[in-house]
Amino acid sequence: MEALPADVLDIVLAFVDDLTLERVFTARAVRVSRLWYELGTKYLWKSVHLLAVLRLLPDDAWCFCEREHISLTVSYSNASGIPSDIKTSR
């Protein structure tokens, strides 16, 4: 079986990415092979949710009290550790 040309594969990955707002299908597709990974990674990174990035920060990064007198209050919806709401106060 011959491989799909890269241009055709890129169109397929763009279609898969447009199917849903979640990146689940795209994330699964880029695990098929190295070529799929190289072509599909740009679709995974085209929009990143702020809360996903903030979850990567260490626990002590949630307060800027000493410098700017601004603090962040993070509310968690459940025990999963995923922030549901972030508020700033001065």
Protein backbone atom coordinates (compact mmCIF):
# COMPACT_ATOMS: atom_id res chain seq x y z
CA MET A 1 0.00 0.00 0.00
CA GLU A 2 1.39 3.37 -0.98
CA ALA A 3 1.33 6.31 1.41
CA LEU A 4 -0.88 9.30 0.79
CA PRO A 5 0.86 12.38 -0.61
CA ALA A 6 1.63 14.94 2.08
CA ASP A 7 -0.73 17.51 0.53
CA VAL A 8 -3.67 15.10 0.64
CA LEU A 9 -2.83 14.06 4.18
CA ASP A 10 -2.69 17.71 5.24
CA ILE A 11 -6.20 18.24 3.84
CA VAL A 12 -7.44 15.17 5.72
CA LEU A 13 -5.92 16.43 8.98
CA ALA A 14 -7.45 19.89 8.45
CA PHE A 15 -10.85 18.24 7.96
CA VAL A 16 -10.42 16.11 11.09
CA ASP A 17 -9.43 19.19 13.06
CA ASP A 18 -12.55 21.08 11.93
CA LEU A 19 -14.89 18.27 13.03
CA THR A 20 -15.02 19.41 16.64
CA LEU A 21 -13.76 22.15 18.94
CA GLU A 22 -11.97 19.57 21.05
CA ARG A 23 -8.63 18.35 19.81
CA VAL A 24 -9.26 14.69 20.69
CA PHE A 25 -9.53 13.40 17.12
CA THR A 26 -6.57 15.45 15.93
CA ALA A 27 -4.47 14.24 18.87
CA ARG A 28 -5.30 10.64 17.99
CA ALA A 29 -4.57 11.21 14.30
CA VAL A 30 -1.07 12.60 14.90
CA ARG A 31 -0.14 9.39 16.72
CA VAL A 32 -0.54 7.31 13.56
CA SER A 33 2.95 7.92 12.19
CA ARG A 34 5.80 10.40 12.17
CA LEU A 35 4.55 11.98 8.96
CA TRP A 36 1.07 12.47 10.43
CA TYR A 37 2.69 13.96 13.54
CA GLU A 38 4.81 16.40 11.53
CA LEU A 39 1.82 17.55 9.47
CA GLY A 40 -0.80 17.56 12.23
CA THR A 41 1.00 19.18 15.14
CA LYS A 42 0.25 22.67 13.80
CA TYR A 43 -3.48 21.97 14.17
CA LEU A 44 -3.04 20.99 17.81
CA TRP A 45 -1.22 24.22 18.62
CA LYS A 46 -3.32 26.66 16.58
CA SER A 47 -5.47 27.48 19.62
CA VAL A 48 -4.52 26.74 23.19
CA HIS A 49 -6.91 27.38 26.08
CA LEU A 50 -5.52 29.65 28.78
CA LEU A 51 -6.59 27.34 31.61
CA ALA A 52 -4.62 24.48 30.07
CA VAL A 53 -1.51 26.65 30.08
CA LEU A 54 -2.13 27.89 33.63
CA ARG A 55 -2.40 24.30 34.89
CA LEU A 56 1.22 23.81 33.85
CA LEU A 57 2.43 26.54 36.22
CA PRO A 58 3.76 25.54 39.65
CA ASP A 59 1.48 25.98 42.68
CA ASP A 60 3.46 28.94 44.03
CA ALA A 61 2.91 30.95 40.83
CA TRP A 62 -0.64 31.92 41.79
CA CYS A 63 0.21 35.05 43.78
CA PHE A 64 1.92 38.27 42.71
CA CYS A 65 1.21 40.00 46.03
CA GLU A 66 4.67 41.44 46.74
CA ARG A 67 5.40 43.03 43.38
CA GLU A 68 2.18 44.26 41.84
CA HIS A 69 -0.20 43.84 44.77
CA ILE A 70 -2.31 41.65 42.54
CA SER A 71 -3.35 38.17 43.58
CA LEU A 72 -5.13 35.40 41.76
CA THR A 73 -7.85 33.35 43.37
CA VAL A 74 -8.33 29.98 41.73
CA SER A 75 -11.54 27.99 42.22
CA TYR A 76 -11.59 24.28 41.50
CA SER A 77 -14.78 22.56 40.37
CA ASN A 78 -13.79 19.11 41.61
CA ALA A 79 -10.87 17.07 42.88
CA SER A 80 -9.32 16.71 39.42
CA GLY A 81 -7.16 19.78 39.94
CA ILE A 82 -8.56 21.62 36.93
CA PRO A 83 -9.29 25.30 37.64
CA SER A 84 -12.88 26.29 36.92
CA ASP A 85 -12.57 30.01 37.64
CA ILE A 86 -9.72 32.49 38.06
CA LYS A 87 -10.25 35.94 39.62
CA THR A 88 -7.77 38.74 40.20
CA SER A 89 -7.87 41.19 43.06
CA ARG A 90 -5.78 44.23 44.01
